[in-house]
């Protein structure tokens, strides 16, 4: 997490942040004003972490942060933001990995970035686990529905229906959920 992109409209603040990061052995690969921010500019920068220095992220800023978070899958750090609970919650919902609402010193940056990277990695792990669990649930429902079709239409026991689907999946190099889906589609076509 050494390549940093800074987004800040205030040039002096951005220059201080860039110098402080470089002193802490980070590579600042770009400094953008908000008017320069678009998906292409952010992708082209290929940063490990994006730092947004904003005194009060407004609705548009939070929307842009949310869009960046969803598309880029990068830790986002907001510095110098509001301390009120509503702003903090809105930033967290927007995908911010670290939200610092107080004045920072240059030596604080490394710790902030490390916490943001760790929080981002944990959040990503949880999102991936949730996605996998949902996928498994959908597949389980397909398999159960297909077993029911085979049991009703062909008189198989539940174990036999599952065994037939599993054997077919293995012989065809497919996932059992794909075989189940094919059984369901075939049943719908014959109805």
C-alpha atoms as a PDB file:
ATOM      1  CA  UNK A   1       0.000   0.000   0.000  1.00  0.00           C
ATOM      2  CA  UNK A   2       2.700   2.452  -0.993  1.00  0.00           C
ATOM      3  CA  UNK A   3       1.198   4.158  -4.076  1.00  0.00           C
ATOM      4  CA  UNK A   4      -1.034   7.058  -3.057  1.00  0.00           C
ATOM      5  CA  UNK A   5      -3.416   9.261  -5.043  1.00  0.00           C
ATOM      6  CA  UNK A   6      -4.450  12.552  -3.431  1.00  0.00           C
ATOM      7  CA  UNK A   7      -7.729  14.286  -4.250  1.00  0.00           C
ATOM      8  CA  UNK A   8      -7.932  17.804  -2.876  1.00  0.00           C
ATOM      9  CA  UNK A   9      -9.088  21.176  -4.224  1.00  0.00           C
ATOM     10  CA  UNK A  10      -6.768  23.190  -1.955  1.00  0.00           C
ATOM     11  CA  UNK A  11      -3.300  23.238  -3.523  1.00  0.00           C
ATOM     12  CA  UNK A  12      -1.379  24.204  -0.374  1.00  0.00           C
ATOM     13  CA  UNK A  13      -3.000  21.435   1.655  1.00  0.00           C
ATOM     14  CA  UNK A  14      -2.391  18.917  -1.132  1.00  0.00           C
ATOM     15  CA  UNK A  15       1.252  19.995  -1.393  1.00  0.00           C
ATOM     16  CA  UNK A  16       1.721  19.548   2.382  1.00  0.00           C
ATOM     17  CA  UNK A  17       0.061  16.142   2.245  1.00  0.00           C
ATOM     18  CA  UNK A  18       2.202  15.063  -0.713  1.00  0.00           C
ATOM     19  CA  UNK A  19       5.415  16.181   1.002  1.00  0.00           C
ATOM     20  CA  UNK A  20       4.413  14.469   4.262  1.00  0.00           C
ATOM     21  CA  UNK A  21       3.620  11.212   2.466  1.00  0.00           C
ATOM     22  CA  UNK A  22       6.881  11.281   0.554  1.00  0.00           C
ATOM     23  CA  UNK A  23       8.776  11.821   3.825  1.00  0.00           C
ATOM     24  CA  UNK A  24       7.046   8.688   5.126  1.00  0.00           C
ATOM     25  CA  UNK A  25       8.324   6.747   2.073  1.00  0.00           C
ATOM     26  CA  UNK A  26       5.047   6.686   0.148  1.00  0.00           C
ATOM     27  CA  UNK A  27       4.944   7.277  -3.583  1.00  0.00           C
ATOM     28  CA  UNK A  28       2.422   9.969  -4.478  1.00  0.00           C
ATOM     29  CA  UNK A  29       1.427   9.055  -8.007  1.00  0.00           C
ATOM     30  CA  UNK A  30      -0.953  11.938  -8.536  1.00  0.00           C
ATOM     31  CA  UNK A  31      -2.724  14.947  -7.080  1.00  0.00           C
ATOM     32  CA  UNK A  32      -6.148  15.697  -8.515  1.00  0.00           C
ATOM     33  CA  UNK A  33      -8.706  18.402  -7.866  1.00  0.00           C
ATOM     34  CA  UNK A  34     -12.297  17.181  -7.604  1.00  0.00           C
ATOM     35  CA  UNK A  35     -13.118  18.609 -11.047  1.00  0.00           C
ATOM     36  CA  UNK A  36     -10.460  16.293 -12.531  1.00  0.00           C
ATOM     37  CA  UNK A  37     -11.886  13.185 -10.881  1.00  0.00           C
ATOM     38  CA  UNK A  38     -13.499  10.633 -13.143  1.00  0.00           C
ATOM     39  CA  UNK A  39     -13.232   6.883 -13.401  1.00  0.00           C
ATOM     40  CA  UNK A  40     -10.599   7.067 -16.155  1.00  0.00           C
ATOM     41  CA  UNK A  41      -8.321   9.431 -14.215  1.00  0.00           C
ATOM     42  CA  UNK A  42      -8.526   7.282 -11.093  1.00  0.00           C
ATOM     43  CA  UNK A  43      -7.965   4.023 -13.007  1.00  0.00           C
ATOM     44  CA  UNK A  44      -5.004   5.542 -14.869  1.00  0.00           C
ATOM     45  CA  UNK A  45      -3.368   6.491 -11.574  1.00  0.00           C
ATOM     46  CA  UNK A  46      -3.449   2.851 -10.355  1.00  0.00           C
ATOM     47  CA  UNK A  47      -3.037   3.839  -6.720  1.00  0.00           C
ATOM     48  CA  UNK A  48      -3.043   1.459  -3.773  1.00  0.00           C
ATOM     49  CA  UNK A  49      -4.794   4.011  -1.546  1.00  0.00           C
ATOM     50  CA  UNK A  50      -6.794   7.148  -2.341  1.00  0.00           C
ATOM     51  CA  UNK A  51      -6.634  10.019   0.127  1.00  0.00           C
ATOM     52  CA  UNK A  52      -9.328  12.661  -0.006  1.00  0.00           C
ATOM     53  CA  UNK A  53      -8.679  15.807   1.988  1.00  0.00           C
ATOM     54  CA  UNK A  54     -12.034  17.481   2.415  1.00  0.00           C
ATOM     55  CA  UNK A  55     -13.128  19.802   5.188  1.00  0.00           C
ATOM     56  CA  UNK A  56     -16.774  18.905   4.727  1.00  0.00           C
ATOM     57  CA  UNK A  57     -17.597  16.246   2.186  1.00  0.00           C
ATOM     58  CA  UNK A  58     -20.836  17.388   0.640  1.00  0.00           C
ATOM     59  CA  UNK A  59     -23.434  15.256  -1.017  1.00  0.00           C
ATOM     60  CA  UNK A  60     -21.646  15.313  -4.374  1.00  0.00           C
ATOM     61  CA  UNK A  61     -18.307  14.469  -2.788  1.00  0.00           C
ATOM     62  CA  UNK A  62     -19.786  11.523  -0.899  1.00  0.00           C
ATOM     63  CA  UNK A  63     -21.477  10.304  -4.084  1.00  0.00           C
ATOM     64  CA  UNK A  64     -18.126  10.435  -5.882  1.00  0.00           C
ATOM     65  CA  UNK A  65     -16.438   8.630  -2.993  1.00  0.00           C
ATOM     66  CA  UNK A  66     -19.145   5.966  -3.052  1.00  0.00           C
ATOM     67  CA  UNK A  67     -18.742   5.516  -6.803  1.00  0.00           C
ATOM     68  CA  UNK A  68     -14.955   5.237  -6.428  1.00  0.00           C
ATOM     69  CA  UNK A  69     -15.341   2.699  -3.643  1.00  0.00           C
ATOM     70  CA  UNK A  70     -17.694   0.499  -5.664  1.00  0.00           C
ATOM     71  CA  UNK A  71     -15.744   0.618  -8.913  1.00  0.00           C
ATOM     72  CA  UNK A  72     -12.136   0.667  -7.814  1.00  0.00           C
ATOM     73  CA  UNK A  73     -11.984  -1.580  -4.760  1.00  0.00           C
ATOM     74  CA  UNK A  74      -9.328   0.600  -3.101  1.00  0.00           C
ATOM     75  CA  UNK A  75      -8.994   1.861   0.444  1.00  0.00           C
ATOM     76  CA  UNK A  76     -10.304   5.428   0.700  1.00  0.00           C
ATOM     77  CA  UNK A  77      -9.114   7.804   3.401  1.00  0.00           C
ATOM     78  CA  UNK A  78     -10.958  11.048   4.153  1.00  0.00           C
ATOM     79  CA  UNK A  79      -8.937  13.627   6.089  1.00  0.00           C
ATOM     80  CA  UNK A  80     -10.165  16.812   7.752  1.00  0.00           C
ATOM     81  CA  UNK A  81     -13.841  15.875   7.666  1.00  0.00           C
ATOM     82  CA  UNK A  82     -16.774  16.781   9.918  1.00  0.00           C
ATOM     83  CA  UNK A  83     -17.005  15.253  13.380  1.00  0.00           C
ATOM     84  CA  UNK A  84     -20.787  14.865  13.473  1.00  0.00           C
ATOM     85  CA  UNK A  85     -22.253  11.359  13.588  1.00  0.00           C
ATOM     86  CA  UNK A  86     -24.325  11.837  10.412  1.00  0.00           C
ATOM     87  CA  UNK A  87     -21.263  12.741   8.305  1.00  0.00           C
ATOM     88  CA  UNK A  88     -19.279   9.841   9.712  1.00  0.00           C
ATOM     89  CA  UNK A  89     -22.059   7.339   9.006  1.00  0.00           C
ATOM     90  CA  UNK A  90     -22.577   8.717   5.497  1.00  0.00           C
ATOM     91  CA  UNK A  91     -18.844   8.383   4.798  1.00  0.00           C
ATOM     92  CA  UNK A  92     -18.772   4.791   6.070  1.00  0.00           C
ATOM     93  CA  UNK A  93     -21.782   3.904   3.896  1.00  0.00           C
ATOM     94  CA  UNK A  94     -19.960   5.526   0.967  1.00  0.00           C
ATOM     95  CA  UNK A  95     -17.108   3.050   1.432  1.00  0.00           C
ATOM     96  CA  UNK A  96     -14.545   5.154   3.293  1.00  0.00           C
ATOM     97  CA  UNK A  97     -11.911   2.987   5.003  1.00  0.00           C
ATOM     98  CA  UNK A  98     -10.615   5.695   7.342  1.00  0.00           C
ATOM     99  CA  UNK A  99     -12.303   8.939   8.345  1.00  0.00           C
ATOM    100  CA  UNK A 100     -10.160  11.414  10.255  1.00  0.00           C
ATOM    101  CA  UNK A 101     -12.022  14.407  11.634  1.00  0.00           C
ATOM    102  CA  UNK A 102      -9.154  16.155  13.382  1.00  0.00           C
ATOM    103  CA  UNK A 103      -5.993  17.931  12.353  1.00  0.00           C
ATOM    104  CA  UNK A 104      -3.221  15.470  11.635  1.00  0.00           C
ATOM    105  CA  UNK A 105       0.516  15.622  11.687  1.00  0.00           C
ATOM    106  CA  UNK A 106       2.718  14.157   8.994  1.00  0.00           C
ATOM    107  CA  UNK A 107       3.806  11.325  11.266  1.00  0.00           C
ATOM    108  CA  UNK A 108       0.148  10.255  11.695  1.00  0.00           C
ATOM    109  CA  UNK A 109      -0.262   9.398   8.014  1.00  0.00           C
ATOM    110  CA  UNK A 110       1.467   6.015   8.005  1.00  0.00           C
ATOM    111  CA  UNK A 111      -0.729   4.685  10.819  1.00  0.00           C
ATOM    112  CA  UNK A 112      -3.872   6.060   9.203  1.00  0.00           C
ATOM    113  CA  UNK A 113      -3.015   4.398   5.893  1.00  0.00           C
ATOM    114  CA  UNK A 114      -2.210   1.079   7.592  1.00  0.00           C
ATOM    115  CA  UNK A 115      -5.527   1.117   9.480  1.00  0.00           C
ATOM    116  CA  UNK A 116      -7.402   2.012   6.278  1.00  0.00           C
ATOM    117  CA  UNK A 117      -5.723  -0.831   4.376  1.00  0.00           C
ATOM    118  CA  UNK A 118      -6.481  -3.327   7.153  1.00  0.00           C
ATOM    119  CA  UNK A 119     -10.092  -2.175   7.471  1.00  0.00           C
ATOM    120  CA  UNK A 120     -10.531  -2.307   3.698  1.00  0.00           C
ATOM    121  CA  UNK A 121      -9.082  -5.833   3.514  1.00  0.00           C
ATOM    122  CA  UNK A 122     -11.393  -7.021   6.297  1.00  0.00           C
ATOM    123  CA  UNK A 123     -14.419  -5.371   4.699  1.00  0.00           C
ATOM    124  CA  UNK A 124     -13.538  -6.949   1.342  1.00  0.00           C
ATOM    125  CA  UNK A 125     -13.116 -10.370   2.972  1.00  0.00           C
ATOM    126  CA  UNK A 126     -16.547 -10.079   4.592  1.00  0.00           C
ATOM    127  CA  UNK A 127     -18.128  -8.919   1.318  1.00  0.00           C
ATOM    128  CA  UNK A 128     -16.541 -11.853  -0.523  1.00  0.00           C
ATOM    129  CA  UNK A 129     -17.754 -14.303   2.135  1.00  0.00           C
ATOM    130  CA  UNK A 130     -21.274 -12.889   1.924  1.00  0.00           C
ATOM    131  CA  UNK A 131     -21.242 -13.126  -1.866  1.00  0.00           C
ATOM    132  CA  UNK A 132     -20.043 -16.737  -1.663  1.00  0.00           C
ATOM    133  CA  UNK A 133     -22.679 -17.628   0.934  1.00  0.00           C
ATOM    134  CA  UNK A 134     -25.419 -16.107  -1.219  1.00  0.00           C
ATOM    135  CA  UNK A 135     -24.144 -17.970  -4.259  1.00  0.00           C
ATOM    136  CA  UNK A 136     -24.096 -21.260  -2.339  1.00  0.00           C
ATOM    137  CA  UNK A 137     -27.630 -20.630  -1.098  1.00  0.00           C
ATOM    138  CA  UNK A 138     -28.877 -20.010  -4.652  1.00  0.00           C
ATOM    139  CA  UNK A 139     -27.112 -23.140  -5.874  1.00  0.00           C
ATOM    140  CA  UNK A 140     -28.530 -25.177  -2.989  1.00  0.00           C
ATOM    141  CA  UNK A 141     -32.046 -24.025  -3.881  1.00  0.00           C
ATOM    142  CA  UNK A 142     -31.487 -25.032  -7.525  1.00  0.00           C
ATOM    143  CA  UNK A 143     -30.218 -28.469  -6.518  1.00  0.00           C
ATOM    144  CA  UNK A 144     -33.162 -28.981  -4.149  1.00  0.00           C
ATOM    145  CA  UNK A 145     -35.635 -27.933  -6.838  1.00  0.00           C
ATOM    146  CA  UNK A 146     -34.022 -30.243  -9.401  1.00  0.00           C
ATOM    147  CA  UNK A 147     -33.996 -33.149  -6.920  1.00  0.00           C
ATOM    148  CA  UNK A 148     -37.696 -32.564  -6.339  1.00  0.00           C
ATOM    149  CA  UNK A 149     -38.362 -32.686 -10.090  1.00  0.00           C
ATOM    150  CA  UNK A 150     -36.428 -35.944 -10.471  1.00  0.00           C
ATOM    151  CA  UNK A 151     -38.205 -37.457  -7.461  1.00  0.00           C
ATOM    152  CA  UNK A 152     -41.661 -36.441  -8.708  1.00  0.00           C
ATOM    153  CA  UNK A 153     -41.169 -37.232 -12.391  1.00  0.00           C
ATOM    154  CA  UNK A 154     -39.041 -40.390 -12.137  1.00  0.00           C
ATOM    155  CA  UNK A 155     -39.750 -41.749  -8.659  1.00  0.00           C
ATOM    156  CA  UNK A 156     -36.139 -41.474  -7.482  1.00  0.00           C
ATOM    157  CA  UNK A 157     -35.321 -41.223  -3.805  1.00  0.00           C
ATOM    158  CA  UNK A 158     -33.708 -37.973  -2.722  1.00  0.00           C
ATOM    159  CA  UNK A 159     -30.308 -39.689  -2.452  1.00  0.00           C
ATOM    160  CA  UNK A 160     -30.646 -41.243  -5.925  1.00  0.00           C
ATOM    161  CA  UNK A 161     -31.724 -37.939  -7.496  1.00  0.00           C
ATOM    162  CA  UNK A 162     -28.705 -36.200  -5.994  1.00  0.00           C
ATOM    163  CA  UNK A 163     -26.365 -39.050  -6.990  1.00  0.00           C
ATOM    164  CA  UNK A 164     -27.589 -38.914 -10.613  1.00  0.00           C
ATOM    165  CA  UNK A 165     -27.067 -35.140 -10.795  1.00  0.00           C
ATOM    166  CA  UNK A 166     -23.613 -35.446  -9.207  1.00  0.00           C
ATOM    167  CA  UNK A 167     -22.566 -38.232 -11.607  1.00  0.00           C
ATOM    168  CA  UNK A 168     -23.810 -36.259 -14.606  1.00  0.00           C
ATOM    169  CA  UNK A 169     -21.967 -33.150 -13.428  1.00  0.00           C
ATOM    170  CA  UNK A 170     -18.725 -35.096 -13.018  1.00  0.00           C
ATOM    171  CA  UNK A 171     -19.015 -36.870 -16.365  1.00  0.00           C
ATOM    172  CA  UNK A 172     -19.675 -33.590 -18.193  1.00  0.00           C
ATOM    173  CA  UNK A 173     -17.191 -31.447 -16.281  1.00  0.00           C
ATOM    174  CA  UNK A 174     -19.921 -29.173 -14.970  1.00  0.00           C
ATOM    175  CA  UNK A 175     -20.963 -27.925 -11.562  1.00  0.00           C
ATOM    176  CA  UNK A 176     -23.927 -29.698 -10.015  1.00  0.00           C
ATOM    177  CA  UNK A 177     -25.801 -26.376  -9.950  1.00  0.00           C
ATOM    178  CA  UNK A 178     -25.488 -26.185 -13.754  1.00  0.00           C
ATOM    179  CA  UNK A 179     -26.994 -29.659 -14.106  1.00  0.00           C
ATOM    180  CA  UNK A 180     -29.758 -28.708 -11.674  1.00  0.00           C
ATOM    181  CA  UNK A 181     -30.509 -25.590 -13.691  1.00  0.00           C
ATOM    182  CA  UNK A 182     -30.692 -27.644 -16.894  1.00  0.00           C
ATOM    183  CA  UNK A 183     -33.165 -30.040 -15.240  1.00  0.00           C
ATOM    184  CA  UNK A 184     -35.311 -27.105 -14.119  1.00  0.00           C
ATOM    185  CA  UNK A 185     -35.272 -25.522 -17.587  1.00  0.00           C
ATOM    186  CA  UNK A 186     -36.148 -28.855 -19.222  1.00  0.00           C
ATOM    187  CA  UNK A 187     -39.072 -29.237 -16.830  1.00  0.00           C
ATOM    188  CA  UNK A 188     -40.298 -25.716 -17.609  1.00  0.00           C
ATOM    189  CA  UNK A 189     -40.076 -26.416 -21.359  1.00  0.00           C
ATOM    190  CA  UNK A 190     -42.091 -29.607 -21.049  1.00  0.00           C
ATOM    191  CA  UNK A 191     -44.842 -27.945 -18.993  1.00  0.00           C
END
